[in-house]
Amino acid sequence: MRLAFILAFCLASAPAMPSESFPKVDPVFWKLKLKTITDDSVPMASLQGRYLLLNFWGEWCAKCQEELPFLVRQEMKYSGSGLRIIGFLKTANMAKAKKLLKENGADWTQLQLDDQVERIFGIRKFPTNLLISPQGEIVMEGFSNHYQDFKKRLEASGSGSEVKKSEIPAPPK
């Protein structure tokens, strides 16, 4: 329910969102070509122009494992709306990670998380999810424990109102 509300709100409100209030993804990211967990190569430029949920996770992270079935449901629910989930896996055990993905039916693209991508997005905790708009803006950044706070702020301001960067909870330090 946590992320579902945010995804529904962002996808339904896309035209009303003021682009000047959200940070843009570093242009360097779109120039990268990253490896999948099956060693294929994906140019990040091929992902531009659609809603992306970037899921930074690891198989060693209990909260990341708990989140997988939820993300699978969201992918099924919103993929027809143009949402694409891209996993960024920081792994200590690739076989275990692939097993978790298969068991949960998480069949979206899984990229190997490298130091450069971690720096670009400032990833410090796992799981971290970033919702990127078709315009390349980070319209939601969150850690699992911040979704309820974000949802409450949206509900308090009225679900039809504009979302401002100041309403998005800052990640913990």
C-alpha atoms as a PDB file:
ATOM      1  CA  MET A   1       0.000   0.000   0.000  1.00  0.00           C
ATOM      2  CA  ARG A   2       2.876   2.358   0.762  1.00  0.00           C
ATOM      3  CA  LEU A   3       4.440   2.617  -2.666  1.00  0.00           C
ATOM      4  CA  ALA A   4       1.176   1.867  -4.475  1.00  0.00           C
ATOM      5  CA  PHE A   5      -0.327   5.141  -3.320  1.00  0.00           C
ATOM      6  CA  ILE A   6       2.716   7.101  -4.426  1.00  0.00           C
ATOM      7  CA  LEU A   7       2.879   5.370  -7.800  1.00  0.00           C
ATOM      8  CA  ALA A   8      -0.837   5.881  -8.411  1.00  0.00           C
ATOM      9  CA  PHE A   9      -0.581   9.524  -7.396  1.00  0.00           C
ATOM     10  CA  CYS A  10       2.474  10.232  -9.532  1.00  0.00           C
ATOM     11  CA  LEU A  11       1.174   8.382 -12.594  1.00  0.00           C
ATOM     12  CA  ALA A  12      -2.263   9.994 -12.354  1.00  0.00           C
ATOM     13  CA  SER A  13      -0.873  13.470 -11.659  1.00  0.00           C
ATOM     14  CA  ALA A  14       1.938  13.560 -14.187  1.00  0.00           C
ATOM     15  CA  PRO A  15       0.789  16.587 -16.185  1.00  0.00           C
ATOM     16  CA  ALA A  16       0.114  18.654 -13.041  1.00  0.00           C
ATOM     17  CA  MET A  17       3.565  18.170 -11.528  1.00  0.00           C
ATOM     18  CA  PRO A  18       5.718  21.296 -11.749  1.00  0.00           C
ATOM     19  CA  SER A  19       9.010  20.264 -13.326  1.00  0.00           C
ATOM     20  CA  GLU A  20      10.986  23.079 -11.714  1.00  0.00           C
ATOM     21  CA  SER A  21      10.430  21.680  -8.205  1.00  0.00           C
ATOM     22  CA  PHE A  22      12.098  18.300  -8.784  1.00  0.00           C
ATOM     23  CA  PRO A  23      15.791  17.549  -9.300  1.00  0.00           C
ATOM     24  CA  LYS A  24      16.886  16.148 -12.635  1.00  0.00           C
ATOM     25  CA  VAL A  25      18.773  12.892 -12.968  1.00  0.00           C
ATOM     26  CA  ASP A  26      22.464  13.591 -13.545  1.00  0.00           C
ATOM     27  CA  PRO A  27      22.954  13.591 -17.373  1.00  0.00           C
ATOM     28  CA  VAL A  28      25.983  11.319 -16.913  1.00  0.00           C
ATOM     29  CA  PHE A  29      23.585   8.511 -15.922  1.00  0.00           C
ATOM     30  CA  TRP A  30      21.831   8.553 -19.303  1.00  0.00           C
ATOM     31  CA  LYS A  31      25.208   8.153 -21.057  1.00  0.00           C
ATOM     32  CA  LEU A  32      26.111   4.962 -19.177  1.00  0.00           C
ATOM     33  CA  LYS A  33      25.874   1.445 -20.523  1.00  0.00           C
ATOM     34  CA  LEU A  34      25.396  -0.972 -17.611  1.00  0.00           C
ATOM     35  CA  LYS A  35      25.608  -4.725 -17.284  1.00  0.00           C
ATOM     36  CA  THR A  36      22.651  -6.840 -16.310  1.00  0.00           C
ATOM     37  CA  ILE A  37      23.001  -9.739 -13.900  1.00  0.00           C
ATOM     38  CA  THR A  38      23.176 -11.993 -16.988  1.00  0.00           C
ATOM     39  CA  ASP A  39      26.059  -9.893 -18.397  1.00  0.00           C
ATOM     40  CA  ASP A  40      24.018  -8.265 -21.170  1.00  0.00           C
ATOM     41  CA  SER A  41      24.560  -4.554 -21.703  1.00  0.00           C
ATOM     42  CA  VAL A  42      21.796  -1.920 -21.403  1.00  0.00           C
ATOM     43  CA  PRO A  43      22.285   1.685 -22.514  1.00  0.00           C
ATOM     44  CA  MET A  44      20.589   3.923 -19.949  1.00  0.00           C
ATOM     45  CA  ALA A  45      19.527   6.275 -22.762  1.00  0.00           C
ATOM     46  CA  SER A  46      17.135   3.517 -23.909  1.00  0.00           C
ATOM     47  CA  LEU A  47      15.196   3.980 -20.650  1.00  0.00           C
ATOM     48  CA  GLN A  48      14.530   7.710 -21.043  1.00  0.00           C
ATOM     49  CA  GLY A  49      11.050   9.056 -21.683  1.00  0.00           C
ATOM     50  CA  ARG A  50       9.007   6.806 -19.393  1.00  0.00           C
ATOM     51  CA  TYR A  51       8.288   6.407 -15.709  1.00  0.00           C
ATOM     52  CA  LEU A  52      11.058   4.398 -14.062  1.00  0.00           C
ATOM     53  CA  LEU A  53      11.093   2.976 -10.583  1.00  0.00           C
ATOM     54  CA  LEU A  54      14.752   2.427  -9.762  1.00  0.00           C
ATOM     55  CA  ASN A  55      14.993  -0.173  -7.011  1.00  0.00           C
ATOM     56  CA  PHE A  56      18.389  -0.344  -5.289  1.00  0.00           C
ATOM     57  CA  TRP A  57      18.595  -3.586  -3.351  1.00  0.00           C
ATOM     58  CA  GLY A  58      20.717  -6.536  -2.264  1.00  0.00           C
ATOM     59  CA  GLU A  59      19.922 -10.179  -1.533  1.00  0.00           C
ATOM     60  CA  TRP A  60      21.631  -9.801   1.870  1.00  0.00           C
ATOM     61  CA  CYS A  61      19.123  -7.082   2.883  1.00  0.00           C
ATOM     62  CA  ALA A  62      16.063  -8.428   4.757  1.00  0.00           C
ATOM     63  CA  LYS A  63      13.905  -5.364   3.942  1.00  0.00           C
ATOM     64  CA  CYS A  64      14.850  -5.701   0.282  1.00  0.00           C
ATOM     65  CA  GLN A  65      13.678  -9.313   0.311  1.00  0.00           C
ATOM     66  CA  GLU A  66      10.406  -8.335   2.009  1.00  0.00           C
ATOM     67  CA  GLU A  67       9.807  -5.658  -0.623  1.00  0.00           C
ATOM     68  CA  LEU A  68      10.172  -7.945  -3.673  1.00  0.00           C
ATOM     69  CA  PRO A  69       6.616  -9.425  -3.688  1.00  0.00           C
ATOM     70  CA  PHE A  70       5.183  -5.934  -3.283  1.00  0.00           C
ATOM     71  CA  LEU A  71       7.238  -4.616  -6.208  1.00  0.00           C
ATOM     72  CA  VAL A  72       6.082  -7.548  -8.346  1.00  0.00           C
ATOM     73  CA  ARG A  73       2.440  -6.585  -7.645  1.00  0.00           C
ATOM     74  CA  GLN A  74       3.145  -2.939  -8.503  1.00  0.00           C
ATOM     75  CA  GLU A  75       4.894  -3.890 -11.717  1.00  0.00           C
ATOM     76  CA  MET A  76       1.895  -5.969 -12.785  1.00  0.00           C
ATOM     77  CA  LYS A  77      -0.515  -3.207 -11.788  1.00  0.00           C
ATOM     78  CA  TYR A  78       1.275  -0.227 -13.379  1.00  0.00           C
ATOM     79  CA  SER A  79       3.279  -1.611 -16.303  1.00  0.00           C
ATOM     80  CA  GLY A  80       0.343  -0.812 -18.608  1.00  0.00           C
ATOM     81  CA  SER A  81       0.574   2.806 -17.465  1.00  0.00           C
ATOM     82  CA  GLY A  82       4.127   3.073 -18.717  1.00  0.00           C
ATOM     83  CA  LEU A  83       5.953   2.292 -15.479  1.00  0.00           C
ATOM     84  CA  ARG A  84       9.093   0.218 -15.781  1.00  0.00           C
ATOM     85  CA  ILE A  85      10.952  -1.136 -12.761  1.00  0.00           C
ATOM     86  CA  ILE A  86      14.714  -1.400 -13.029  1.00  0.00           C
ATOM     87  CA  GLY A  87      16.569  -3.230 -10.288  1.00  0.00           C
ATOM     88  CA  PHE A  88      20.065  -2.200  -9.260  1.00  0.00           C
ATOM     89  CA  LEU A  89      21.546  -5.156  -7.425  1.00  0.00           C
ATOM     90  CA  LYS A  90      24.447  -4.852  -5.023  1.00  0.00           C
ATOM     91  CA  THR A  91      25.232  -8.492  -4.458  1.00  0.00           C
ATOM     92  CA  ALA A  92      27.439 -10.618  -2.318  1.00  0.00           C
ATOM     93  CA  ASN A  93      25.897 -13.836  -3.681  1.00  0.00           C
ATOM     94  CA  MET A  94      24.621 -13.740  -7.293  1.00  0.00           C
ATOM     95  CA  ALA A  95      23.159 -17.272  -7.123  1.00  0.00           C
ATOM     96  CA  LYS A  96      21.074 -16.339  -4.070  1.00  0.00           C
ATOM     97  CA  ALA A  97      19.939 -13.082  -5.710  1.00  0.00           C
ATOM     98  CA  LYS A  98      18.829 -14.886  -8.885  1.00  0.00           C
ATOM     99  CA  LYS A  99      16.994 -17.488  -6.791  1.00  0.00           C
ATOM    100  CA  LEU A 100      15.125 -14.736  -4.875  1.00  0.00           C
ATOM    101  CA  LEU A 101      14.143 -13.041  -8.118  1.00  0.00           C
ATOM    102  CA  LYS A 102      12.875 -16.290  -9.622  1.00  0.00           C
ATOM    103  CA  GLU A 103      10.959 -17.329  -6.481  1.00  0.00           C
ATOM    104  CA  ASN A 104       9.214 -13.946  -6.362  1.00  0.00           C
ATOM    105  CA  GLY A 105       8.538 -13.669 -10.095  1.00  0.00           C
ATOM    106  CA  ALA A 106      10.567 -10.467 -10.359  1.00  0.00           C
ATOM    107  CA  ASP A 107      11.325 -10.571 -14.061  1.00  0.00           C
ATOM    108  CA  TRP A 108      12.208  -6.933 -14.706  1.00  0.00           C
ATOM    109  CA  THR A 109      15.681  -5.824 -15.756  1.00  0.00           C
ATOM    110  CA  GLN A 110      18.258  -6.278 -13.014  1.00  0.00           C
ATOM    111  CA  LEU A 111      21.465  -4.290 -13.378  1.00  0.00           C
ATOM    112  CA  GLN A 112      24.691  -4.768 -11.489  1.00  0.00           C
ATOM    113  CA  LEU A 113      25.033  -1.769  -9.170  1.00  0.00           C
ATOM    114  CA  ASP A 114      28.416  -0.148  -9.511  1.00  0.00           C
ATOM    115  CA  ASP A 115      30.138   2.626  -7.551  1.00  0.00           C
ATOM    116  CA  GLN A 116      29.485   5.254 -10.218  1.00  0.00           C
ATOM    117  CA  VAL A 117      25.698   4.749 -10.140  1.00  0.00           C
ATOM    118  CA  GLU A 118      25.761   4.697  -6.327  1.00  0.00           C
ATOM    119  CA  ARG A 119      27.531   8.075  -6.373  1.00  0.00           C
ATOM    120  CA  ILE A 120      25.228   9.588  -9.020  1.00  0.00           C
ATOM    121  CA  PHE A 121      22.132   8.830  -6.940  1.00  0.00           C
ATOM    122  CA  GLY A 122      23.738   9.122  -3.492  1.00  0.00           C
ATOM    123  CA  ILE A 123      22.671   5.626  -2.438  1.00  0.00           C
ATOM    124  CA  ARG A 124      23.514   5.041   1.217  1.00  0.00           C
ATOM    125  CA  LYS A 125      20.804   2.645   2.419  1.00  0.00           C
ATOM    126  CA  PHE A 126      19.035  -0.401   1.079  1.00  0.00           C
ATOM    127  CA  PRO A 127      16.411  -0.672  -0.154  1.00  0.00           C
ATOM    128  CA  THR A 128      16.162   2.711  -1.832  1.00  0.00           C
ATOM    129  CA  ASN A 129      13.581   3.467  -4.498  1.00  0.00           C
ATOM    130  CA  LEU A 130      13.574   6.427  -6.874  1.00  0.00           C
ATOM    131  CA  LEU A 131      10.655   7.275  -9.130  1.00  0.00           C
ATOM    132  CA  ILE A 132      11.875   9.012 -12.282  1.00  0.00           C
ATOM    133  CA  SER A 133       9.437  10.917 -14.506  1.00  0.00           C
ATOM    134  CA  PRO A 134       9.501  10.764 -18.322  1.00  0.00           C
ATOM    135  CA  GLN A 135      11.184  14.181 -18.152  1.00  0.00           C
ATOM    136  CA  GLY A 136      14.094  12.694 -16.176  1.00  0.00           C
ATOM    137  CA  GLU A 137      13.096  14.209 -12.833  1.00  0.00           C
ATOM    138  CA  ILE A 138      13.342  12.428  -9.500  1.00  0.00           C
ATOM    139  CA  VAL A 139       9.727  12.846  -8.374  1.00  0.00           C
ATOM    140  CA  MET A 140      10.002  10.523  -5.374  1.00  0.00           C
ATOM    141  CA  GLU A 141      12.952   9.332  -3.402  1.00  0.00           C
ATOM    142  CA  GLY A 142      12.434   7.119  -0.468  1.00  0.00           C
ATOM    143  CA  PHE A 143      13.537   4.481   1.876  1.00  0.00           C
ATOM    144  CA  SER A 144      11.029   1.845   2.871  1.00  0.00           C
ATOM    145  CA  ASN A 145      10.231   3.447   6.215  1.00  0.00           C
ATOM    146  CA  HIS A 146       9.376   6.821   4.613  1.00  0.00           C
ATOM    147  CA  TYR A 147       6.451   5.779   2.397  1.00  0.00           C
ATOM    148  CA  GLN A 148       3.856   6.103   5.149  1.00  0.00           C
ATOM    149  CA  ASP A 149       5.108   9.587   6.027  1.00  0.00           C
ATOM    150  CA  PHE A 150       4.991  10.606   2.366  1.00  0.00           C
ATOM    151  CA  LYS A 151       1.478   9.191   1.992  1.00  0.00           C
ATOM    152  CA  LYS A 152       0.277  11.081   5.101  1.00  0.00           C
ATOM    153  CA  ARG A 153       1.734  14.352   3.782  1.00  0.00           C
ATOM    154  CA  LEU A 154      -0.015  13.868   0.440  1.00  0.00           C
ATOM    155  CA  GLU A 155      -3.333  13.029   2.085  1.00  0.00           C
ATOM    156  CA  ALA A 156      -3.055  16.014   4.435  1.00  0.00           C
ATOM    157  CA  SER A 157      -2.486  18.370   1.510  1.00  0.00           C
ATOM    158  CA  GLY A 158      -5.272  16.819  -0.588  1.00  0.00           C
ATOM    159  CA  SER A 159      -4.583  14.165  -3.193  1.00  0.00           C
ATOM    160  CA  GLY A 160      -5.323  16.537  -6.063  1.00  0.00           C
ATOM    161  CA  SER A 161      -2.812  19.171  -5.051  1.00  0.00           C
ATOM    162  CA  GLU A 162       0.637  19.558  -6.534  1.00  0.00           C
ATOM    163  CA  VAL A 163       3.498  17.689  -4.956  1.00  0.00           C
ATOM    164  CA  LYS A 164       6.391  19.944  -4.044  1.00  0.00           C
ATOM    165  CA  LYS A 165       9.937  18.830  -3.388  1.00  0.00           C
ATOM    166  CA  SER A 166       9.571  20.086   0.192  1.00  0.00           C
ATOM    167  CA  GLU A 167       6.774  17.530   0.766  1.00  0.00           C
ATOM    168  CA  ILE A 168       9.000  14.591  -0.101  1.00  0.00           C
ATOM    169  CA  PRO A 169      10.653  13.249   3.029  1.00  0.00           C
ATOM    170  CA  ALA A 170      14.404  13.634   3.051  1.00  0.00           C
ATOM    171  CA  PRO A 171      16.398  10.420   3.356  1.00  0.00           C
ATOM    172  CA  PRO A 172      17.870   9.761   6.789  1.00  0.00           C
ATOM    173  CA  LYS A 173      21.486  10.810   7.284  1.00  0.00           C
END
